[in-house]
Amino acid sequence: MVIGHRRKLNRVGDELPNFVLNSEVVKRVEKIKYLWINIGESINREEQYKTVKNRLKGGISSLRKLKDIHPRQQLEQVYIALFESHLRYCNIVWHALSNIKLSKLQR
């Protein structure tokens, strides 16, 4: 993967040389998922935002099902596991998001 600004990557296009490792050409990819973080060639956090937003939606439905069954202290632990863990993990990703998207995640 070649990482850079979208405009600069468009200028380069497919002109990049092939990389060879152990006499095999390394296949170029546009994006990968590594340790639950989406990493792409262009510096765009939209896909990661969507992934975490969907995980949080699933957490909300789980929390709603548990609210009448478990005491508040246990629900707080569930919240930390289902919500805070996703928001704190690699939180440098959220630094570049717009305030609107950040507030949506926090809500």
PDB file of N, CA and C in Angstrom:
ATOM      1  N   MET A   1       0.852  -1.165   0.000  1.00  0.00           N
ATOM      2  CA  MET A   1       0.000   0.000   0.000  1.00  0.00           C
ATOM      3  C   MET A   1       0.902   1.234   0.000  1.00  0.00           C
ATOM      4  N   VAL A   2       0.507   2.182  -0.783  1.00  0.00           N
ATOM      5  CA  VAL A   2       1.188   3.462  -0.815  1.00  0.00           C
ATOM      6  C   VAL A   2       0.251   4.451  -0.143  1.00  0.00           C
ATOM      7  N   ILE A   3       0.740   5.129   0.887  1.00  0.00           N
ATOM      8  CA  ILE A   3      -0.110   6.020   1.671  1.00  0.00           C
ATOM      9  C   ILE A   3       0.236   7.465   1.358  1.00  0.00           C
ATOM     10  N   GLY A   4      -0.790   8.275   1.141  1.00  0.00           N
ATOM     11  CA  GLY A   4      -0.572   9.682   0.872  1.00  0.00           C
ATOM     12  C   GLY A   4      -1.881  10.411   0.684  1.00  0.00           C
ATOM     13  N   HIS A   5      -1.795  11.669   0.381  1.00  0.00           N
ATOM     14  CA  HIS A   5      -2.982  12.485   0.123  1.00  0.00           C
ATOM     15  C   HIS A   5      -3.611  12.044  -1.197  1.00  0.00           C
ATOM     16  N   ARG A   6      -4.934  12.053  -1.249  1.00  0.00           N
ATOM     17  CA  ARG A   6      -5.675  11.555  -2.407  1.00  0.00           C
ATOM     18  C   ARG A   6      -5.241  12.238  -3.708  1.00  0.00           C
ATOM     19  N   ARG A   7      -5.056  13.561  -3.693  1.00  0.00           N
ATOM     20  CA  ARG A   7      -4.665  14.275  -4.919  1.00  0.00           C
ATOM     21  C   ARG A   7      -3.298  13.828  -5.426  1.00  0.00           C
ATOM     22  N   LYS A   8      -2.364  13.659  -4.503  1.00  0.00           N
ATOM     23  CA  LYS A   8      -1.032  13.231  -4.912  1.00  0.00           C
ATOM     24  C   LYS A   8      -1.039  11.791  -5.411  1.00  0.00           C
ATOM     25  N   LEU A   9      -1.836  10.946  -4.790  1.00  0.00           N
ATOM     26  CA  LEU A   9      -1.930   9.556  -5.252  1.00  0.00           C
ATOM     27  C   LEU A   9      -2.541   9.491  -6.648  1.00  0.00           C
ATOM     28  N   ASN A  10      -3.524  10.351  -6.932  1.00  0.00           N
ATOM     29  CA  ASN A  10      -4.134  10.377  -8.266  1.00  0.00           C
ATOM     30  C   ASN A  10      -3.122  10.799  -9.322  1.00  0.00           C
ATOM     31  N   ARG A  11      -2.215  11.715  -8.971  1.00  0.00           N
ATOM     32  CA  ARG A  11      -1.183  12.151  -9.921  1.00  0.00           C
ATOM     33  C   ARG A  11      -0.215  11.024 -10.239  1.00  0.00           C
ATOM     34  N   VAL A  12       0.124  10.245  -9.230  1.00  0.00           N
ATOM     35  CA  VAL A  12       1.068   9.150  -9.430  1.00  0.00           C
ATOM     36  C   VAL A  12       0.406   8.013 -10.185  1.00  0.00           C
ATOM     37  N   GLY A  13      -0.836   7.697  -9.835  1.00  0.00           N
ATOM     38  CA  GLY A  13      -1.578   6.632 -10.507  1.00  0.00           C
ATOM     39  C   GLY A  13      -0.910   5.281 -10.346  1.00  0.00           C
ATOM     40  N   ASP A  14      -0.833   4.543 -11.441  1.00  0.00           N
ATOM     41  CA  ASP A  14      -0.236   3.208 -11.422  1.00  0.00           C
ATOM     42  C   ASP A  14       1.226   3.224 -11.841  1.00  0.00           C
ATOM     43  N   GLU A  15       1.844   4.383 -11.843  1.00  0.00           N
ATOM     44  CA  GLU A  15       3.224   4.511 -12.280  1.00  0.00           C
ATOM     45  C   GLU A  15       4.233   4.028 -11.246  1.00  0.00           C
ATOM     46  N   LEU A  16       3.774   3.627 -10.090  1.00  0.00           N
ATOM     47  CA  LEU A  16       4.685   3.193  -9.042  1.00  0.00           C
ATOM     48  C   LEU A  16       5.366   1.883  -9.440  1.00  0.00           C
ATOM     49  N   PRO A  17       6.626   1.721  -9.051  1.00  0.00           N
ATOM     50  CA  PRO A  17       7.321   0.474  -9.382  1.00  0.00           C
ATOM     51  C   PRO A  17       6.772  -0.684  -8.564  1.00  0.00           C
ATOM     52  N   ASN A  18       6.969  -1.892  -9.065  1.00  0.00           N
ATOM     53  CA  ASN A  18       6.579  -3.083  -8.321  1.00  0.00           C
ATOM     54  C   ASN A  18       7.585  -3.329  -7.202  1.00  0.00           C
ATOM     55  N   PHE A  19       7.106  -3.765  -6.060  1.00  0.00           N
ATOM     56  CA  PHE A  19       7.974  -4.108  -4.953  1.00  0.00           C
ATOM     57  C   PHE A  19       8.180  -5.618  -4.964  1.00  0.00           C
ATOM     58  N   VAL A  20       9.411  -6.033  -4.766  1.00  0.00           N
ATOM     59  CA  VAL A  20       9.742  -7.455  -4.809  1.00  0.00           C
ATOM     60  C   VAL A  20      10.296  -7.860  -3.449  1.00  0.00           C
ATOM     61  N   LEU A  21       9.770  -8.963  -2.908  1.00  0.00           N
ATOM     62  CA  LEU A  21      10.216  -9.500  -1.631  1.00  0.00           C
ATOM     63  C   LEU A  21      10.409 -10.992  -1.799  1.00  0.00           C
ATOM     64  N   ASN A  22      11.614 -11.474  -1.531  1.00  0.00           N
ATOM     65  CA  ASN A  22      11.934 -12.901  -1.718  1.00  0.00           C
ATOM     66  C   ASN A  22      11.588 -13.363  -3.133  1.00  0.00           C
ATOM     67  N   SER A  23      11.951 -12.573  -4.084  1.00  0.00           N
ATOM     68  CA  SER A  23      11.757 -12.821  -5.528  1.00  0.00           C
ATOM     69  C   SER A  23      10.282 -12.926  -5.937  1.00  0.00           C
ATOM     70  N   GLU A  24       9.372 -12.431  -5.117  1.00  0.00           N
ATOM     71  CA  GLU A  24       7.954 -12.391  -5.467  1.00  0.00           C
ATOM     72  C   GLU A  24       7.482 -10.945  -5.471  1.00  0.00           C
ATOM     73  N   VAL A  25       6.651 -10.603  -6.466  1.00  0.00           N
ATOM     74  CA  VAL A  25       6.101  -9.256  -6.541  1.00  0.00           C
ATOM     75  C   VAL A  25       5.026  -9.114  -5.470  1.00  0.00           C
ATOM     76  N   VAL A  26       5.128  -8.053  -4.685  1.00  0.00           N
ATOM     77  CA  VAL A  26       4.150  -7.783  -3.635  1.00  0.00           C
ATOM     78  C   VAL A  26       2.953  -7.091  -4.266  1.00  0.00           C
ATOM     79  N   LYS A  27       1.779  -7.656  -4.046  1.00  0.00           N
ATOM     80  CA  LYS A  27       0.550  -7.108  -4.623  1.00  0.00           C
ATOM     81  C   LYS A  27       0.186  -5.804  -3.921  1.00  0.00           C
ATOM     82  N   ARG A  28      -0.156  -4.808  -4.693  1.00  0.00           N
ATOM     83  CA  ARG A  28      -0.575  -3.514  -4.135  1.00  0.00           C
ATOM     84  C   ARG A  28      -2.056  -3.574  -3.766  1.00  0.00           C
ATOM     85  N   VAL A  29      -2.394  -3.082  -2.585  1.00  0.00           N
ATOM     86  CA  VAL A  29      -3.785  -3.011  -2.137  1.00  0.00           C
ATOM     87  C   VAL A  29      -4.111  -1.572  -1.791  1.00  0.00           C
ATOM     88  N   GLU A  30      -5.394  -1.235  -1.846  1.00  0.00           N
ATOM     89  CA  GLU A  30      -5.822   0.127  -1.533  1.00  0.00           C
ATOM     90  C   GLU A  30      -6.179   0.307  -0.067  1.00  0.00           C
ATOM     91  N   LYS A  31      -6.562  -0.798   0.606  1.00  0.00           N
ATOM     92  CA  LYS A  31      -6.916  -0.692   2.018  1.00  0.00           C
ATOM     93  C   LYS A  31      -6.725  -2.045   2.686  1.00  0.00           C
ATOM     94  N   ILE A  32      -6.494  -1.991   3.997  1.00  0.00           N
ATOM     95  CA  ILE A  32      -6.381  -3.196   4.810  1.00  0.00           C
ATOM     96  C   ILE A  32      -7.041  -2.934   6.153  1.00  0.00           C
ATOM     97  N   LYS A  33      -7.340  -4.010   6.855  1.00  0.00           N
ATOM     98  CA  LYS A  33      -7.822  -3.901   8.222  1.00  0.00           C
ATOM     99  C   LYS A  33      -6.748  -4.547   9.092  1.00  0.00           C
ATOM    100  N   TYR A  34      -6.206  -3.765  10.024  1.00  0.00           N
ATOM    101  CA  TYR A  34      -5.147  -4.251  10.890  1.00  0.00           C
ATOM    102  C   TYR A  34      -5.506  -3.913  12.327  1.00  0.00           C
ATOM    103  N   LEU A  35      -5.629  -4.936  13.163  1.00  0.00           N
ATOM    104  CA  LEU A  35      -6.021  -4.753  14.563  1.00  0.00           C
ATOM    105  C   LEU A  35      -7.300  -3.922  14.689  1.00  0.00           C
ATOM    106  N   TRP A  36      -8.286  -4.244  13.875  1.00  0.00           N
ATOM    107  CA  TRP A  36      -9.609  -3.612  13.867  1.00  0.00           C
ATOM    108  C   TRP A  36      -9.590  -2.157  13.409  1.00  0.00           C
ATOM    109  N   ILE A  37      -8.476  -1.720  12.830  1.00  0.00           N
ATOM    110  CA  ILE A  37      -8.397  -0.356  12.311  1.00  0.00           C
ATOM    111  C   ILE A  37      -8.328  -0.440  10.798  1.00  0.00           C
ATOM    112  N   ASN A  38      -9.186   0.315  10.110  1.00  0.00           N
ATOM    113  CA  ASN A  38      -9.162   0.374   8.654  1.00  0.00           C
ATOM    114  C   ASN A  38      -8.093   1.365   8.221  1.00  0.00           C
ATOM    115  N   ILE A  39      -7.166   0.907   7.407  1.00  0.00           N
ATOM    116  CA  ILE A  39      -6.085   1.747   6.917  1.00  0.00           C
ATOM    117  C   ILE A  39      -6.169   1.747   5.402  1.00  0.00           C
ATOM    118  N   GLY A  40      -6.217   2.943   4.813  1.00  0.00           N
ATOM    119  CA  GLY A  40      -6.308   3.053   3.366  1.00  0.00           C
ATOM    120  C   GLY A  40      -5.216   3.930   2.803  1.00  0.00           C
ATOM    121  N   GLU A  41      -5.057   3.876   1.485  1.00  0.00           N
ATOM    122  CA  GLU A  41      -4.031   4.681   0.820  1.00  0.00           C
ATOM    123  C   GLU A  41      -4.259   6.167   1.044  1.00  0.00           C
ATOM    124  N   SER A  42      -5.476   6.604   0.802  1.00  0.00           N
ATOM    125  CA  SER A  42      -5.756   8.019   1.034  1.00  0.00           C
ATOM    126  C   SER A  42      -6.108   8.199   2.504  1.00  0.00           C
ATOM    127  N   ILE A  43      -5.704   9.284   3.054  1.00  0.00           N
ATOM    128  CA  ILE A  43      -5.899   9.528   4.473  1.00  0.00           C
ATOM    129  C   ILE A  43      -7.345   9.964   4.680  1.00  0.00           C
ATOM    130  N   ASN A  44      -8.211   8.960   4.906  1.00  0.00           N
ATOM    131  CA  ASN A  44      -9.640   9.188   5.026  1.00  0.00           C
ATOM    132  C   ASN A  44     -10.156   8.298   6.147  1.00  0.00           C
ATOM    133  N   ARG A  45     -10.743   8.875   7.140  1.00  0.00           N
ATOM    134  CA  ARG A  45     -11.190   8.103   8.295  1.00  0.00           C
ATOM    135  C   ARG A  45     -12.672   7.751   8.229  1.00  0.00           C
ATOM    136  N   GLU A  46     -13.292   8.007   7.114  1.00  0.00           N
ATOM    137  CA  GLU A  46     -14.736   7.781   6.965  1.00  0.00           C
ATOM    138  C   GLU A  46     -15.105   6.310   7.172  1.00  0.00           C
ATOM    139  N   GLU A  47     -14.328   5.403   6.595  1.00  0.00           N
ATOM    140  CA  GLU A  47     -14.655   3.980   6.714  1.00  0.00           C
ATOM    141  C   GLU A  47     -14.538   3.507   8.158  1.00  0.00           C
ATOM    142  N   GLN A  48     -13.514   3.973   8.867  1.00  0.00           N
ATOM    143  CA  GLN A  48     -13.348   3.608  10.272  1.00  0.00           C
ATOM    144  C   GLN A  48     -14.501   4.178  11.099  1.00  0.00           C
ATOM    145  N   TYR A  49     -14.903   5.396  10.788  1.00  0.00           N
ATOM    146  CA  TYR A  49     -16.037   6.027  11.476  1.00  0.00           C
ATOM    147  C   TYR A  49     -17.297   5.174  11.310  1.00  0.00           C
ATOM    148  N   LYS A  50     -17.564   4.746  10.086  1.00  0.00           N
ATOM    149  CA  LYS A  50     -18.762   3.938   9.826  1.00  0.00           C
ATOM    150  C   LYS A  50     -18.701   2.602  10.556  1.00  0.00           C
ATOM    151  N   THR A  51     -17.528   1.978  10.577  1.00  0.00           N
ATOM    152  CA  THR A  51     -17.373   0.686  11.252  1.00  0.00           C
ATOM    153  C   THR A  51     -17.665   0.818  12.741  1.00  0.00           C
ATOM    154  N   VAL A  52     -17.070   1.805  13.377  1.00  0.00           N
ATOM    155  CA  VAL A  52     -17.268   1.973  14.816  1.00  0.00           C
ATOM    156  C   VAL A  52     -18.702   2.398  15.113  1.00  0.00           C
ATOM    157  N   LYS A  53     -19.277   3.246  14.272  1.00  0.00           N
ATOM    158  CA  LYS A  53     -20.669   3.672  14.472  1.00  0.00           C
ATOM    159  C   LYS A  53     -21.597   2.457  14.452  1.00  0.00           C
ATOM    160  N   ASN A  54     -21.374   1.534  13.538  1.00  0.00           N
ATOM    161  CA  ASN A  54     -22.206   0.336  13.468  1.00  0.00           C
ATOM    162  C   ASN A  54     -22.005  -0.564  14.684  1.00  0.00           C
ATOM    163  N   ARG A  55     -20.776  -0.669  15.175  1.00  0.00           N
ATOM    164  CA  ARG A  55     -20.528  -1.454  16.385  1.00  0.00           C
ATOM    165  C   ARG A  55     -21.248  -0.837  17.588  1.00  0.00           C
ATOM    166  N   LEU A  56     -21.221   0.489  17.667  1.00  0.00           N
ATOM    167  CA  LEU A  56     -21.886   1.152  18.784  1.00  0.00           C
ATOM    168  C   LEU A  56     -23.405   0.973  18.707  1.00  0.00           C
ATOM    169  N   LYS A  57     -23.946   0.970  17.501  1.00  0.00           N
ATOM    170  CA  LYS A  57     -25.387   0.720  17.354  1.00  0.00           C
ATOM    171  C   LYS A  57     -25.752  -0.657  17.891  1.00  0.00           C
ATOM    172  N   GLY A  58     -24.912  -1.645  17.591  1.00  0.00           N
ATOM    173  CA  GLY A  58     -25.143  -2.991  18.115  1.00  0.00           C
ATOM    174  C   GLY A  58     -25.055  -3.022  19.633  1.00  0.00           C
ATOM    175  N   GLY A  59     -24.138  -2.247  20.186  1.00  0.00           N
ATOM    176  CA  GLY A  59     -24.001  -2.165  21.631  1.00  0.00           C
ATOM    177  C   GLY A  59     -25.224  -1.556  22.291  1.00  0.00           C
ATOM    178  N   ILE A  60     -25.826  -0.581  21.632  1.00  0.00           N
ATOM    179  CA  ILE A  60     -27.024   0.064  22.178  1.00  0.00           C
ATOM    180  C   ILE A  60     -28.164  -0.949  22.295  1.00  0.00           C
ATOM    181  N   SER A  61     -28.346  -1.752  21.261  1.00  0.00           N
ATOM    182  CA  SER A  61     -29.436  -2.735  21.322  1.00  0.00           C
ATOM    183  C   SER A  61     -29.165  -3.770  22.406  1.00  0.00           C
ATOM    184  N   SER A  62     -27.910  -4.154  22.586  1.00  0.00           N
ATOM    185  CA  SER A  62     -27.577  -5.101  23.659  1.00  0.00           C
ATOM    186  C   SER A  62     -27.838  -4.487  25.026  1.00  0.00           C
ATOM    187  N   LEU A  63     -27.468  -3.237  25.196  1.00  0.00           N
ATOM    188  CA  LEU A  63     -27.664  -2.555  26.471  1.00  0.00           C
ATOM    189  C   LEU A  63     -29.156  -2.399  26.787  1.00  0.00           C
ATOM    190  N   ARG A  64     -29.947  -2.123  25.774  1.00  0.00           N
ATOM    191  CA  ARG A  64     -31.403  -2.003  25.992  1.00  0.00           C
ATOM    192  C   ARG A  64     -32.012  -3.312  26.471  1.00  0.00           C
ATOM    193  N   LYS A  65     -31.523  -4.428  25.926  1.00  0.00           N
ATOM    194  CA  LYS A  65     -32.045  -5.730  26.334  1.00  0.00           C
ATOM    195  C   LYS A  65     -31.662  -6.059  27.774  1.00  0.00           C
ATOM    196  N   LEU A  66     -30.523  -5.548  28.223  1.00  0.00           N
ATOM    197  CA  LEU A  66     -30.025  -5.875  29.556  1.00  0.00           C
ATOM    198  C   LEU A  66     -30.510  -4.936  30.658  1.00  0.00           C
ATOM    199  N   LYS A  67     -31.036  -3.780  30.295  1.00  0.00           N
ATOM    200  CA  LYS A  67     -31.332  -2.743  31.298  1.00  0.00           C
ATOM    201  C   LYS A  67     -32.365  -3.162  32.342  1.00  0.00           C
ATOM    202  N   ASP A  68     -33.310  -4.009  31.982  1.00  0.00           N
ATOM    203  CA  ASP A  68     -34.326  -4.432  32.944  1.00  0.00           C
ATOM    204  C   ASP A  68     -33.917  -5.684  33.716  1.00  0.00           C
ATOM    205  N   ILE A  69     -32.817  -6.294  33.323  1.00  0.00           N
ATOM    206  CA  ILE A  69     -32.398  -7.559  33.921  1.00  0.00           C
ATOM    207  C   ILE A  69     -31.279  -7.378  34.946  1.00  0.00           C
ATOM    208  N   HIS A  70     -30.348  -6.467  34.670  1.00  0.00           N
ATOM    209  CA  HIS A  70     -29.143  -6.331  35.483  1.00  0.00           C
ATOM    210  C   HIS A  70     -29.118  -5.008  36.241  1.00  0.00           C
ATOM    211  N   PRO A  71     -28.427  -4.987  37.381  1.00  0.00           N
ATOM    212  CA  PRO A  71     -28.298  -3.732  38.137  1.00  0.00           C
ATOM    213  C   PRO A  71     -27.394  -2.736  37.409  1.00  0.00           C
ATOM    214  N   ARG A  72     -27.501  -1.505  37.811  1.00  0.00           N
ATOM    215  CA  ARG A  72     -26.780  -0.408  37.157  1.00  0.00           C
ATOM    216  C   ARG A  72     -25.262  -0.631  37.121  1.00  0.00           C
ATOM    217  N   GLN A  73     -24.690  -1.144  38.196  1.00  0.00           N
ATOM    218  CA  GLN A  73     -23.239  -1.348  38.255  1.00  0.00           C
ATOM    219  C   GLN A  73     -22.782  -2.312  37.147  1.00  0.00           C
ATOM    220  N   GLN A  74     -23.532  -3.353  36.924  1.00  0.00           N
ATOM    221  CA  GLN A  74     -23.180  -4.290  35.855  1.00  0.00           C
ATOM    222  C   GLN A  74     -23.380  -3.652  34.477  1.00  0.00           C
ATOM    223  N   LEU A  75     -24.402  -2.829  34.359  1.00  0.00           N
ATOM    224  CA  LEU A  75     -24.628  -2.143  33.083  1.00  0.00           C
ATOM    225  C   LEU A  75     -23.491  -1.178  32.763  1.00  0.00           C
ATOM    226  N   GLU A  76     -22.911  -0.564  33.791  1.00  0.00           N
ATOM    227  CA  GLU A  76     -21.762   0.317  33.572  1.00  0.00           C
ATOM    228  C   GLU A  76     -20.574  -0.466  33.035  1.00  0.00           C
ATOM    229  N   GLN A  77     -20.380  -1.675  33.524  1.00  0.00           N
ATOM    230  CA  GLN A  77     -19.299  -2.524  33.021  1.00  0.00           C
ATOM    231  C   GLN A  77     -19.551  -2.934  31.566  1.00  0.00           C
ATOM    232  N   VAL A  78     -20.799  -3.213  31.261  1.00  0.00           N
ATOM    233  CA  VAL A  78     -21.164  -3.541  29.879  1.00  0.00           C
ATOM    234  C   VAL A  78     -20.915  -2.339  28.976  1.00  0.00           C
ATOM    235  N   TYR A  79     -21.275  -1.151  29.476  1.00  0.00           N
ATOM    236  CA  TYR A  79     -21.032   0.068  28.705  1.00  0.00           C
ATOM    237  C   TYR A  79     -19.548   0.233  28.393  1.00  0.00           C
ATOM    238  N   ILE A  80     -18.709   0.049  29.391  1.00  0.00           N
ATOM    239  CA  ILE A  80     -17.263   0.186  29.177  1.00  0.00           C
ATOM    240  C   ILE A  80     -16.785  -0.817  28.137  1.00  0.00           C
ATOM    241  N   ALA A  81     -17.276  -2.040  28.219  1.00  0.00           N
ATOM    242  CA  ALA A  81     -16.852  -3.078  27.275  1.00  0.00           C
ATOM    243  C   ALA A  81     -17.352  -2.808  25.861  1.00  0.00           C
ATOM    244  N   LEU A  82     -18.596  -2.366  25.737  1.00  0.00           N
ATOM    245  CA  LEU A  82     -19.197  -2.217  24.401  1.00  0.00           C
ATOM    246  C   LEU A  82     -18.975  -0.845  23.765  1.00  0.00           C
ATOM    247  N   PHE A  83     -18.758   0.182  24.566  1.00  0.00           N
ATOM    248  CA  PHE A  83     -18.667   1.533  24.014  1.00  0.00           C
ATOM    249  C   PHE A  83     -17.286   2.157  24.198  1.00  0.00           C
ATOM    250  N   GLU A  84     -16.895   2.327  25.451  1.00  0.00           N
ATOM    251  CA  GLU A  84     -15.632   3.011  25.705  1.00  0.00           C
ATOM    252  C   GLU A  84     -14.452   2.303  25.054  1.00  0.00           C
ATOM    253  N   SER A  85     -14.475   0.984  25.057  1.00  0.00           N
ATOM    254  CA  SER A  85     -13.359   0.251  24.464  1.00  0.00           C
ATOM    255  C   SER A  85     -13.192   0.618  22.985  1.00  0.00           C
ATOM    256  N   HIS A  86     -14.276   0.759  22.249  1.00  0.00           N
ATOM    257  CA  HIS A  86     -14.198   1.125  20.831  1.00  0.00           C
ATOM    258  C   HIS A  86     -13.773   2.570  20.639  1.00  0.00           C
ATOM    259  N   LEU A  87     -14.229   3.449  21.512  1.00  0.00           N
ATOM    260  CA  LEU A  87     -13.903   4.862  21.361  1.00  0.00           C
ATOM    261  C   LEU A  87     -12.480   5.186  21.821  1.00  0.00           C
ATOM    262  N   ARG A  88     -11.975   4.436  22.776  1.00  0.00           N
ATOM    263  CA  ARG A  88     -10.632   4.709  23.276  1.00  0.00           C
ATOM    264  C   ARG A  88      -9.552   4.016  22.462  1.00  0.00           C
ATOM    265  N   TYR A  89      -9.893   2.890  21.852  1.00  0.00           N
ATOM    266  CA  TYR A  89      -8.897   2.144  21.085  1.00  0.00           C
ATOM    267  C   TYR A  89      -8.487   2.950  19.857  1.00  0.00           C
ATOM    268  N   CYS A  90      -7.244   3.237  19.748  1.00  0.00           N
ATOM    269  CA  CYS A  90      -6.688   4.001  18.626  1.00  0.00           C
ATOM    270  C   CYS A  90      -7.446   5.310  18.437  1.00  0.00           C
ATOM    271  N   ASN A  91      -7.637   6.033  19.525  1.00  0.00           N
ATOM    272  CA  ASN A  91      -8.443   7.248  19.467  1.00  0.00           C
ATOM    273  C   ASN A  91      -7.796   8.380  18.675  1.00  0.00           C
ATOM    274  N   ILE A  92      -6.568   8.207  18.225  1.00  0.00           N
ATOM    275  CA  ILE A  92      -5.952   9.212  17.342  1.00  0.00           C
ATOM    276  C   ILE A  92      -6.745   9.337  16.042  1.00  0.00           C
ATOM    277  N   VAL A  93      -7.461   8.277  15.668  1.00  0.00           N
ATOM    278  CA  VAL A  93      -8.291   8.298  14.457  1.00  0.00           C
ATOM    279  C   VAL A  93      -9.370   9.364  14.575  1.00  0.00           C
ATOM    280  N   TRP A  94      -9.903   9.547  15.773  1.00  0.00           N
ATOM    281  CA  TRP A  94     -11.019  10.471  15.945  1.00  0.00           C
ATOM    282  C   TRP A  94     -10.577  11.920  15.924  1.00  0.00           C
ATOM    283  N   HIS A  95      -9.301  12.179  16.094  1.00  0.00           N
ATOM    284  CA  HIS A  95      -8.788  13.542  16.140  1.00  0.00           C
ATOM    285  C   HIS A  95      -9.127  14.321  14.864  1.00  0.00           C
ATOM    286  N   ALA A  96      -9.120  13.657  13.732  1.00  0.00           N
ATOM    287  CA  ALA A  96      -9.333  14.346  12.461  1.00  0.00           C
ATOM    288  C   ALA A  96     -10.800  14.370  12.021  1.00  0.00           C
ATOM    289  N   LEU A  97     -11.685  13.762  12.781  1.00  0.00           N
ATOM    290  CA  LEU A  97     -13.100  13.780  12.400  1.00  0.00           C
ATOM    291  C   LEU A  97     -13.708  15.151  12.678  1.00  0.00           C
ATOM    292  N   SER A  98     -14.746  15.455  11.932  1.00  0.00           N
ATOM    293  CA  SER A  98     -15.450  16.719  12.160  1.00  0.00           C
ATOM    294  C   SER A  98     -16.174  16.662  13.505  1.00  0.00           C
ATOM    295  N   ASN A  99     -16.471  17.810  14.046  1.00  0.00           N
ATOM    296  CA  ASN A  99     -17.181  17.879  15.327  1.00  0.00           C
ATOM    297  C   ASN A  99     -18.571  17.246  15.231  1.00  0.00           C
ATOM    298  N   ILE A 100     -19.195  17.338  14.078  1.00  0.00           N
ATOM    299  CA  ILE A 100     -20.522  16.745  13.891  1.00  0.00           C
ATOM    300  C   ILE A 100     -20.451  15.235  14.044  1.00  0.00           C
ATOM    301  N   LYS A 101     -19.463  14.628  13.379  1.00  0.00           N
ATOM    302  CA  LYS A 101     -19.323  13.157  13.463  1.00  0.00           C
ATOM    303  C   LYS A 101     -18.906  12.723  14.861  1.00  0.00           C
ATOM    304  N   LEU A 102     -18.047  13.498  15.491  1.00  0.00           N
ATOM    305  CA  LEU A 102     -17.647  13.167  16.869  1.00  0.00           C
ATOM    306  C   LEU A 102     -18.846  13.199  17.803  1.00  0.00           C
ATOM    307  N   SER A 103     -19.688  14.205  17.660  1.00  0.00           N
ATOM    308  CA  SER A 103     -20.860  14.300  18.533  1.00  0.00           C
ATOM    309  C   SER A 103     -21.835  13.168  18.269  1.00  0.00           C
ATOM    310  N   LYS A 104     -21.939  12.736  17.001  1.00  0.00           N
ATOM    311  CA  LYS A 104     -22.808  11.578  16.696  1.00  0.00           C
ATOM    312  C   LYS A 104     -22.303  10.320  17.388  1.00  0.00           C
ATOM    313  N   LEU A 105     -21.004  10.111  17.382  1.00  0.00           N
ATOM    314  CA  LEU A 105     -20.456   8.932  18.060  1.00  0.00           C
ATOM    315  C   LEU A 105     -20.684   9.016  19.566  1.00  0.00           C
ATOM    316  N   GLN A 106     -20.505  10.194  20.118  1.00  0.00           N
ATOM    317  CA  GLN A 106     -20.667  10.341  21.555  1.00  0.00           C
ATOM    318  C   GLN A 106     -22.122  10.166  21.978  1.00  0.00           C
ATOM    319  N   ARG A 107     -23.053  10.605  21.135  1.00  0.00           N
ATOM    320  CA  ARG A 107     -24.477  10.426  21.455  1.00  0.00           C
ATOM    321  C   ARG A 107     -24.828   8.977  21.423  1.00  0.00           C
TER     322      ARG A 107
END
